[in-house]
Amino acid sequence: VFMNDISILSLTVSGIRTNQASKLASIFKQNLEAY
């Protein structure tokens, strides 16, 4: 779950596995763009 600090806008996404910090930004960006 990603929640924006100023607006409380949220995204709830799957696909981020344990130890995958390197993929956090790319998966977030893909889901934000789609939303």
PDB file of all heavy atoms in Angstrom:
ATOM      1  N   VAL A   1       0.855  -1.183   0.000  1.00  0.00           N
ATOM      2  CA  VAL A   1       0.000   0.000   0.000  1.00  0.00           C
ATOM      3  C   VAL A   1       0.892   1.235   0.000  1.00  0.00           C
ATOM      4  O   VAL A   1       1.756   1.394   0.869  1.00  0.00           O
ATOM      5  CB  VAL A   1      -0.925   0.034   1.233  1.00  0.00           C
ATOM      6  CG1 VAL A   1      -1.806   1.279   1.196  1.00  0.00           C
ATOM      7  CG2 VAL A   1      -1.777  -1.220   1.298  1.00  0.00           C
ATOM      8  N   PHE A   2       0.703   2.103  -0.979  1.00  0.00           N
ATOM      9  CA  PHE A   2       1.410   3.386  -1.073  1.00  0.00           C
ATOM     10  C   PHE A   2       0.396   4.484  -0.782  1.00  0.00           C
ATOM     11  O   PHE A   2      -0.673   4.519  -1.394  1.00  0.00           O
ATOM     12  CB  PHE A   2       1.990   3.593  -2.467  1.00  0.00           C
ATOM     13  CG  PHE A   2       3.003   2.569  -2.889  1.00  0.00           C
ATOM     14  CD1 PHE A   2       2.604   1.363  -3.459  1.00  0.00           C
ATOM     15  CD2 PHE A   2       4.364   2.801  -2.727  1.00  0.00           C
ATOM     16  CE1 PHE A   2       3.537   0.410  -3.859  1.00  0.00           C
ATOM     17  CE2 PHE A   2       5.309   1.867  -3.123  1.00  0.00           C
ATOM     18  CZ  PHE A   2       4.895   0.665  -3.686  1.00  0.00           C
ATOM     19  N   MET A   3       0.732   5.397   0.119  1.00  0.00           N
ATOM     20  CA  MET A   3      -0.175   6.496   0.434  1.00  0.00           C
ATOM     21  C   MET A   3       0.570   7.821   0.360  1.00  0.00           C
ATOM     22  O   MET A   3       1.578   8.032   1.025  1.00  0.00           O
ATOM     23  CB  MET A   3      -0.796   6.314   1.818  1.00  0.00           C
ATOM     24  CG  MET A   3      -1.796   7.401   2.184  1.00  0.00           C
ATOM     25  SD  MET A   3      -2.824   6.991   3.619  1.00  0.00           S
ATOM     26  CE  MET A   3      -4.023   5.855   2.860  1.00  0.00           C
ATOM     27  N   ASN A   4       0.041   8.718  -0.466  1.00  0.00           N
ATOM     28  CA  ASN A   4       0.655  10.021  -0.658  1.00  0.00           C
ATOM     29  C   ASN A   4       0.495  10.886   0.583  1.00  0.00           C
ATOM     30  O   ASN A   4      -0.588  10.988   1.146  1.00  0.00           O
ATOM     31  CB  ASN A   4       0.030  10.704  -1.873  1.00  0.00           C
ATOM     32  CG  ASN A   4       0.659  12.036  -2.191  1.00  0.00           C
ATOM     33  OD1 ASN A   4       0.083  13.081  -1.928  1.00  0.00           O
ATOM     34  ND2 ASN A   4       1.857  12.020  -2.761  1.00  0.00           N
ATOM     35  N   ASP A   5       1.575  11.552   0.983  1.00  0.00           N
ATOM     36  CA  ASP A   5       1.574  12.304   2.238  1.00  0.00           C
ATOM     37  C   ASP A   5       0.627  13.494   2.221  1.00  0.00           C
ATOM     38  O   ASP A   5       0.026  13.834   3.240  1.00  0.00           O
ATOM     39  CB  ASP A   5       2.985  12.798   2.561  1.00  0.00           C
ATOM     40  CG  ASP A   5       3.875  11.692   3.105  1.00  0.00           C
ATOM     41  OD1 ASP A   5       3.464  10.513   3.062  1.00  0.00           O
ATOM     42  OD2 ASP A   5       4.994  12.005   3.564  1.00  0.00           O
ATOM     43  N   ILE A   6       0.494  14.157   1.098  1.00  0.00           N
ATOM     44  CA  ILE A   6      -0.269  15.405   1.067  1.00  0.00           C
ATOM     45  C   ILE A   6      -1.744  15.194   0.752  1.00  0.00           C
ATOM     46  O   ILE A   6      -2.604  15.932   1.226  1.00  0.00           O
ATOM     47  CB  ILE A   6       0.358  16.402   0.060  1.00  0.00           C
ATOM     48  CG1 ILE A   6      -0.096  17.825   0.382  1.00  0.00           C
ATOM     49  CG2 ILE A   6       0.009  16.059  -1.372  1.00  0.00           C
ATOM     50  CD1 ILE A   6       0.620  18.885  -0.430  1.00  0.00           C
ATOM     51  N   SER A   7      -2.059  14.174  -0.031  1.00  0.00           N
ATOM     52  CA  SER A   7      -3.440  13.997  -0.505  1.00  0.00           C
ATOM     53  C   SER A   7      -4.130  12.761   0.060  1.00  0.00           C
ATOM     54  O   SER A   7      -5.341  12.623  -0.061  1.00  0.00           O
ATOM     55  CB  SER A   7      -3.456  13.897  -2.034  1.00  0.00           C
ATOM     56  OG  SER A   7      -2.775  12.720  -2.449  1.00  0.00           O
ATOM     57  N   ILE A   8      -3.357  11.829   0.632  1.00  0.00           N
ATOM     58  CA  ILE A   8      -3.852  10.542   1.099  1.00  0.00           C
ATOM     59  C   ILE A   8      -4.311   9.661  -0.071  1.00  0.00           C
ATOM     60  O   ILE A   8      -4.998   8.661   0.115  1.00  0.00           O
ATOM     61  CB  ILE A   8      -4.981  10.700   2.151  1.00  0.00           C
ATOM     62  CG1 ILE A   8      -4.584  11.740   3.190  1.00  0.00           C
ATOM     63  CG2 ILE A   8      -5.267   9.418   2.899  1.00  0.00           C
ATOM     64  CD1 ILE A   8      -3.308  11.420   3.950  1.00  0.00           C
ATOM     65  N   LEU A   9      -3.953  10.040  -1.285  1.00  0.00           N
ATOM     66  CA  LEU A   9      -4.197   9.157  -2.433  1.00  0.00           C
ATOM     67  C   LEU A   9      -3.451   7.857  -2.189  1.00  0.00           C
ATOM     68  O   LEU A   9      -2.322   7.866  -1.680  1.00  0.00           O
ATOM     69  CB  LEU A   9      -3.683   9.811  -3.712  1.00  0.00           C
ATOM     70  CG  LEU A   9      -4.049   9.089  -5.010  1.00  0.00           C
ATOM     71  CD1 LEU A   9      -5.404   9.587  -5.527  1.00  0.00           C
ATOM     72  CD2 LEU A   9      -2.989   9.304  -6.081  1.00  0.00           C
ATOM     73  N   SER A  10      -4.053   6.737  -2.560  1.00  0.00           N
ATOM     74  CA  SER A  10      -3.413   5.454  -2.283  1.00  0.00           C
ATOM     75  C   SER A  10      -3.431   4.530  -3.496  1.00  0.00           C
ATOM     76  O   SER A  10      -4.309   4.625  -4.359  1.00  0.00           O
ATOM     77  CB  SER A  10      -4.098   4.751  -1.107  1.00  0.00           C
ATOM     78  OG  SER A  10      -5.427   4.383  -1.446  1.00  0.00           O
ATOM     79  N   LEU A  11      -2.451   3.653  -3.527  1.00  0.00           N
ATOM     80  CA  LEU A  11      -2.380   2.564  -4.486  1.00  0.00           C
ATOM     81  C   LEU A  11      -2.141   1.276  -3.711  1.00  0.00           C
ATOM     82  O   LEU A  11      -1.332   1.254  -2.783  1.00  0.00           O
ATOM     83  CB  LEU A  11      -1.219   2.767  -5.475  1.00  0.00           C
ATOM     84  CG  LEU A  11      -1.258   3.993  -6.384  1.00  0.00           C
ATOM     85  CD1 LEU A  11       0.048   4.087  -7.174  1.00  0.00           C
ATOM     86  CD2 LEU A  11      -2.444   3.928  -7.333  1.00  0.00           C
ATOM     87  N   THR A  12      -2.844   0.221  -4.080  1.00  0.00           N
ATOM     88  CA  THR A  12      -2.667  -1.083  -3.437  1.00  0.00           C
ATOM     89  C   THR A  12      -2.313  -2.081  -4.523  1.00  0.00           C
ATOM     90  O   THR A  12      -3.146  -2.406  -5.372  1.00  0.00           O
ATOM     91  CB  THR A  12      -3.961  -1.517  -2.721  1.00  0.00           C
ATOM     92  OG1 THR A  12      -4.338  -0.493  -1.790  1.00  0.00           O
ATOM     93  CG2 THR A  12      -3.751  -2.812  -1.972  1.00  0.00           C
ATOM     94  N   VAL A  13      -1.061  -2.541  -4.516  1.00  0.00           N
ATOM     95  CA  VAL A  13      -0.564  -3.315  -5.648  1.00  0.00           C
ATOM     96  C   VAL A  13       0.139  -4.586  -5.184  1.00  0.00           C
ATOM     97  O   VAL A  13       0.692  -4.649  -4.086  1.00  0.00           O
ATOM     98  CB  VAL A  13       0.412  -2.481  -6.508  1.00  0.00           C
ATOM     99  CG1 VAL A  13      -0.240  -1.192  -6.959  1.00  0.00           C
ATOM    100  CG2 VAL A  13       1.689  -2.165  -5.739  1.00  0.00           C
ATOM    101  N   SER A  14       0.121  -5.579  -6.034  1.00  0.00           N
ATOM    102  CA  SER A  14       0.844  -6.819  -5.791  1.00  0.00           C
ATOM    103  C   SER A  14       2.071  -6.857  -6.696  1.00  0.00           C
ATOM    104  O   SER A  14       2.261  -5.982  -7.541  1.00  0.00           O
ATOM    105  CB  SER A  14      -0.069  -8.022  -6.053  1.00  0.00           C
ATOM    106  OG  SER A  14      -0.542  -7.999  -7.392  1.00  0.00           O
ATOM    107  N   GLY A  15       2.896  -7.874  -6.521  1.00  0.00           N
ATOM    108  CA  GLY A  15       4.047  -8.047  -7.407  1.00  0.00           C
ATOM    109  C   GLY A  15       5.379  -7.658  -6.810  1.00  0.00           C
ATOM    110  O   GLY A  15       6.418  -7.807  -7.463  1.00  0.00           O
ATOM    111  N   ILE A  16       5.380  -7.152  -5.579  1.00  0.00           N
ATOM    112  CA  ILE A  16       6.638  -6.805  -4.914  1.00  0.00           C
ATOM    113  C   ILE A  16       6.963  -7.919  -3.925  1.00  0.00           C
ATOM    114  O   ILE A  16       6.249  -8.134  -2.947  1.00  0.00           O
ATOM    115  CB  ILE A  16       6.550  -5.454  -4.185  1.00  0.00           C
ATOM    116  CG1 ILE A  16       6.188  -4.344  -5.177  1.00  0.00           C
ATOM    117  CG2 ILE A  16       7.868  -5.133  -3.482  1.00  0.00           C
ATOM    118  CD1 ILE A  16       5.903  -3.005  -4.517  1.00  0.00           C
ATOM    119  N   ARG A  17       8.038  -8.624  -4.181  1.00  0.00           N
ATOM    120  CA  ARG A  17       8.413  -9.751  -3.335  1.00  0.00           C
ATOM    121  C   ARG A  17       9.417  -9.328  -2.276  1.00  0.00           C
ATOM    122  O   ARG A  17       9.975  -8.244  -2.320  1.00  0.00           O
ATOM    123  CB  ARG A  17       9.001 -10.874  -4.206  1.00  0.00           C
ATOM    124  CG  ARG A  17       8.029 -11.414  -5.246  1.00  0.00           C
ATOM    125  CD  ARG A  17       8.675 -12.500  -6.078  1.00  0.00           C
ATOM    126  NE  ARG A  17       7.752 -13.027  -7.089  1.00  0.00           N
ATOM    127  CZ  ARG A  17       8.077 -13.957  -7.963  1.00  0.00           C
ATOM    128  NH1 ARG A  17       9.304 -14.477  -7.977  1.00  0.00           N
ATOM    129  NH2 ARG A  17       7.181 -14.388  -8.837  1.00  0.00           N
ATOM    130  N   THR A  18       9.623 -10.222  -1.312  1.00  0.00           N
ATOM    131  CA  THR A  18      10.616  -9.976  -0.276  1.00  0.00           C
ATOM    132  C   THR A  18      11.990  -9.751  -0.912  1.00  0.00           C
ATOM    133  O   THR A  18      12.341 -10.411  -1.883  1.00  0.00           O
ATOM    134  CB  THR A  18      10.673 -11.168   0.697  1.00  0.00           C
ATOM    135  OG1 THR A  18       9.370 -11.349   1.281  1.00  0.00           O
ATOM    136  CG2 THR A  18      11.690 -10.944   1.801  1.00  0.00           C
ATOM    137  N   ASN A  19      12.748  -8.799  -0.361  1.00  0.00           N
ATOM    138  CA  ASN A  19      14.105  -8.453  -0.826  1.00  0.00           C
ATOM    139  C   ASN A  19      14.111  -7.785  -2.199  1.00  0.00           C
ATOM    140  O   ASN A  19      15.130  -7.824  -2.894  1.00  0.00           O
ATOM    141  CB  ASN A  19      15.019  -9.692  -0.863  1.00  0.00           C
ATOM    142  CG  ASN A  19      15.180 -10.335   0.501  1.00  0.00           C
ATOM    143  OD1 ASN A  19      15.209  -9.641   1.517  1.00  0.00           O
ATOM    144  ND2 ASN A  19      15.283 -11.654   0.534  1.00  0.00           N
ATOM    145  N   GLN A  20      12.996  -7.190  -2.602  1.00  0.00           N
ATOM    146  CA  GLN A  20      12.939  -6.564  -3.921  1.00  0.00           C
ATOM    147  C   GLN A  20      12.859  -5.042  -3.832  1.00  0.00           C
ATOM    148  O   GLN A  20      12.089  -4.393  -4.547  1.00  0.00           O
ATOM    149  CB  GLN A  20      11.766  -7.111  -4.727  1.00  0.00           C
ATOM    150  CG  GLN A  20      12.009  -8.503  -5.293  1.00  0.00           C
ATOM    151  CD  GLN A  20      11.005  -8.871  -6.368  1.00  0.00           C
ATOM    152  OE1 GLN A  20       9.873  -8.416  -6.365  1.00  0.00           O
ATOM    153  NE2 GLN A  20      11.425  -9.709  -7.296  1.00  0.00           N
ATOM    154  N   ALA A  21      13.662  -4.452  -2.991  1.00  0.00           N
ATOM    155  CA  ALA A  21      13.685  -2.995  -2.878  1.00  0.00           C
ATOM    156  C   ALA A  21      14.048  -2.341  -4.201  1.00  0.00           C
ATOM    157  O   ALA A  21      13.580  -1.236  -4.509  1.00  0.00           O
ATOM    158  CB  ALA A  21      14.677  -2.571  -1.797  1.00  0.00           C
ATOM    159  N   SER A  22      14.860  -3.019  -4.998  1.00  0.00           N
ATOM    160  CA  SER A  22      15.295  -2.450  -6.274  1.00  0.00           C
ATOM    161  C   SER A  22      14.153  -2.300  -7.268  1.00  0.00           C
ATOM    162  O   SER A  22      14.249  -1.522  -8.220  1.00  0.00           O
ATOM    163  CB  SER A  22      16.399  -3.318  -6.888  1.00  0.00           C
ATOM    164  OG  SER A  22      15.914  -4.629  -7.153  1.00  0.00           O
ATOM    165  N   LYS A  23      13.061  -3.037  -7.056  1.00  0.00           N
ATOM    166  CA  LYS A  23      11.928  -2.986  -7.970  1.00  0.00           C
ATOM    167  C   LYS A  23      10.781  -2.123  -7.441  1.00  0.00           C
ATOM    168  O   LYS A  23       9.770  -1.955  -8.120  1.00  0.00           O
ATOM    169  CB  LYS A  23      11.414  -4.397  -8.260  1.00  0.00           C
ATOM    170  CG  LYS A  23      12.407  -5.264  -9.020  1.00  0.00           C
ATOM    171  CD  LYS A  23      11.793  -6.595  -9.415  1.00  0.00           C
ATOM    172  CE  LYS A  23      12.771  -7.427 -10.245  1.00  0.00           C
ATOM    173  NZ  LYS A  23      12.164  -8.721 -10.652  1.00  0.00           N
ATOM    174  N   LEU A  24      10.955  -1.588  -6.246  1.00  0.00           N
ATOM    175  CA  LEU A  24       9.878  -0.826  -5.625  1.00  0.00           C
ATOM    176  C   LEU A  24       9.445   0.357  -6.488  1.00  0.00           C
ATOM    177  O   LEU A  24       8.256   0.531  -6.765  1.00  0.00           O
ATOM    178  CB  LEU A  24      10.333  -0.321  -4.246  1.00  0.00           C
ATOM    179  CG  LEU A  24       9.265   0.377  -3.404  1.00  0.00           C
ATOM    180  CD1 LEU A  24       8.222  -0.628  -2.936  1.00  0.00           C
ATOM    181  CD2 LEU A  24       9.919   1.061  -2.197  1.00  0.00           C
ATOM    182  N   ALA A  25      10.403   1.148  -6.940  1.00  0.00           N
ATOM    183  CA  ALA A  25      10.086   2.361  -7.698  1.00  0.00           C
ATOM    184  C   ALA A  25       9.442   2.043  -9.043  1.00  0.00           C
ATOM    185  O   ALA A  25       8.472   2.691  -9.447  1.00  0.00           O
ATOM    186  CB  ALA A  25      11.339   3.203  -7.893  1.00  0.00           C
ATOM    187  N   SER A  26       9.971   1.053  -9.742  1.00  0.00           N
ATOM    188  CA  SER A  26       9.451   0.746 -11.079  1.00  0.00           C
ATOM    189  C   SER A  26       8.033   0.191 -11.011  1.00  0.00           C
ATOM    190  O   SER A  26       7.171   0.554 -11.823  1.00  0.00           O
ATOM    191  CB  SER A  26      10.376  -0.246 -11.794  1.00  0.00           C
ATOM    192  OG  SER A  26      10.454  -1.473 -11.088  1.00  0.00           O
ATOM    193  N   ILE A  27       7.756  -0.673 -10.032  1.00  0.00           N
ATOM    194  CA  ILE A  27       6.402  -1.219  -9.894  1.00  0.00           C
ATOM    195  C   ILE A  27       5.429  -0.134  -9.458  1.00  0.00           C
ATOM    196  O   ILE A  27       4.296  -0.052  -9.950  1.00  0.00           O
ATOM    197  CB  ILE A  27       6.402  -2.401  -8.907  1.00  0.00           C
ATOM    198  CG1 ILE A  27       7.199  -3.573  -9.505  1.00  0.00           C
ATOM    199  CG2 ILE A  27       4.979  -2.840  -8.577  1.00  0.00           C
ATOM    200  CD1 ILE A  27       7.335  -4.768  -8.580  1.00  0.00           C
ATOM    201  N   PHE A  28       5.872   0.729  -8.556  1.00  0.00           N
ATOM    202  CA  PHE A  28       5.039   1.857  -8.143  1.00  0.00           C
ATOM    203  C   PHE A  28       4.709   2.748  -9.335  1.00  0.00           C
ATOM    204  O   PHE A  28       3.552   3.119  -9.554  1.00  0.00           O
ATOM    205  CB  PHE A  28       5.757   2.675  -7.065  1.00  0.00           C
ATOM    206  CG  PHE A  28       5.140   4.024  -6.825  1.00  0.00           C
ATOM    207  CD1 PHE A  28       4.011   4.152  -6.030  1.00  0.00           C
ATOM    208  CD2 PHE A  28       5.671   5.163  -7.413  1.00  0.00           C
ATOM    209  CE1 PHE A  28       3.430   5.402  -5.821  1.00  0.00           C
ATOM    210  CE2 PHE A  28       5.103   6.412  -7.203  1.00  0.00           C
ATOM    211  CZ  PHE A  28       3.986   6.523  -6.405  1.00  0.00           C
ATOM    212  N   LYS A  29       5.714   3.098 -10.110  1.00  0.00           N
ATOM    213  CA  LYS A  29       5.517   4.007 -11.236  1.00  0.00           C
ATOM    214  C   LYS A  29       4.579   3.397 -12.280  1.00  0.00           C
ATOM    215  O   LYS A  29       3.708   4.088 -12.826  1.00  0.00           O
ATOM    216  CB  LYS A  29       6.860   4.354 -11.867  1.00  0.00           C
ATOM    217  CG  LYS A  29       6.789   5.424 -12.943  1.00  0.00           C
ATOM    218  CD  LYS A  29       8.176   5.828 -13.423  1.00  0.00           C
ATOM    219  CE  LYS A  29       8.110   6.892 -14.508  1.00  0.00           C
ATOM    220  NZ  LYS A  29       9.465   7.311 -14.959  1.00  0.00           N
ATOM    221  N   GLN A  30       4.725   2.112 -12.565  1.00  0.00           N
ATOM    222  CA  GLN A  30       3.846   1.437 -13.524  1.00  0.00           C
ATOM    223  C   GLN A  30       2.396   1.499 -13.059  1.00  0.00           C
ATOM    224  O   GLN A  30       1.481   1.773 -13.845  1.00  0.00           O
ATOM    225  CB  GLN A  30       4.275  -0.020 -13.692  1.00  0.00           C
ATOM    226  CG  GLN A  30       5.601  -0.205 -14.413  1.00  0.00           C
ATOM    227  CD  GLN A  30       6.118  -1.631 -14.306  1.00  0.00           C
ATOM    228  OE1 GLN A  30       5.409  -2.536 -13.835  1.00  0.00           O
ATOM    229  NE2 GLN A  30       7.359  -1.839 -14.713  1.00  0.00           N
ATOM    230  N   ASN A  31       2.179   1.253 -11.782  1.00  0.00           N
ATOM    231  CA  ASN A  31       0.820   1.248 -11.247  1.00  0.00           C
ATOM    232  C   ASN A  31       0.244   2.652 -11.154  1.00  0.00           C
ATOM    233  O   ASN A  31      -0.951   2.843 -11.396  1.00  0.00           O
ATOM    234  CB  ASN A  31       0.796   0.557  -9.878  1.00  0.00           C
ATOM    235  CG  ASN A  31       0.807  -0.944  -9.979  1.00  0.00           C
ATOM    236  OD1 ASN A  31      -0.233  -1.576 -10.090  1.00  0.00           O
ATOM    237  ND2 ASN A  31       1.989  -1.538  -9.948  1.00  0.00           N
ATOM    238  N   LEU A  32       1.072   3.630 -10.815  1.00  0.00           N
ATOM    239  CA  LEU A  32       0.582   5.002 -10.776  1.00  0.00           C
ATOM    240  C   LEU A  32       0.205   5.478 -12.170  1.00  0.00           C
ATOM    241  O   LEU A  32      -0.848   6.110 -12.358  1.00  0.00           O
ATOM    242  CB  LEU A  32       1.638   5.931 -10.175  1.00  0.00           C
ATOM    243  CG  LEU A  32       1.251   7.407 -10.100  1.00  0.00           C
ATOM    244  CD1 LEU A  32       0.015   7.613  -9.240  1.00  0.00           C
ATOM    245  CD2 LEU A  32       2.415   8.238  -9.569  1.00  0.00           C
ATOM    246  N   GLU A  33       1.030   5.175 -13.152  1.00  0.00           N
ATOM    247  CA  GLU A  33       0.731   5.567 -14.531  1.00  0.00           C
ATOM    248  C   GLU A  33      -0.586   4.947 -14.992  1.00  0.00           C
ATOM    249  O   GLU A  33      -1.422   5.615 -15.609  1.00  0.00           O
ATOM    250  CB  GLU A  33       1.872   5.139 -15.452  1.00  0.00           C
ATOM    251  CG  GLU A  33       1.681   5.541 -16.900  1.00  0.00           C
ATOM    252  CD  GLU A  33       2.879   5.204 -17.771  1.00  0.00           C
ATOM    253  OE1 GLU A  33       3.769   4.463 -17.308  1.00  0.00           O
ATOM    254  OE2 GLU A  33       2.923   5.687 -18.920  1.00  0.00           O
ATOM    255  N   ALA A  34      -0.786   3.666 -14.680  1.00  0.00           N
ATOM    256  CA  ALA A  34      -2.020   2.985 -15.071  1.00  0.00           C
ATOM    257  C   ALA A  34      -3.236   3.597 -14.369  1.00  0.00           C
ATOM    258  O   ALA A  34      -4.294   3.784 -14.986  1.00  0.00           O
ATOM    259  CB  ALA A  34      -1.913   1.499 -14.749  1.00  0.00           C
ATOM    260  N   TYR A  35      -3.072   3.930 -13.103  1.00  0.00           N
ATOM    261  CA  TYR A  35      -4.197   4.505 -12.361  1.00  0.00           C
ATOM    262  C   TYR A  35      -4.557   5.898 -12.864  1.00  0.00           C
ATOM    263  O   TYR A  35      -5.736   6.227 -13.018  1.00  0.00           O
ATOM    264  CB  TYR A  35      -3.878   4.555 -10.866  1.00  0.00           C
ATOM    265  CG  TYR A  35      -4.923   5.301 -10.077  1.00  0.00           C
ATOM    266  CD1 TYR A  35      -6.245   4.852 -10.056  1.00  0.00           C
ATOM    267  CD2 TYR A  35      -4.607   6.453  -9.370  1.00  0.00           C
ATOM    268  CE1 TYR A  35      -7.217   5.540  -9.351  1.00  0.00           C
ATOM    269  CE2 TYR A  35      -5.577   7.147  -8.666  1.00  0.00           C
ATOM    270  CZ  TYR A  35      -6.880   6.689  -8.653  1.00  0.00           C
ATOM    271  OH  TYR A  35      -7.841   7.375  -7.970  1.00  0.00           O
TER     272      TYR A  35
END
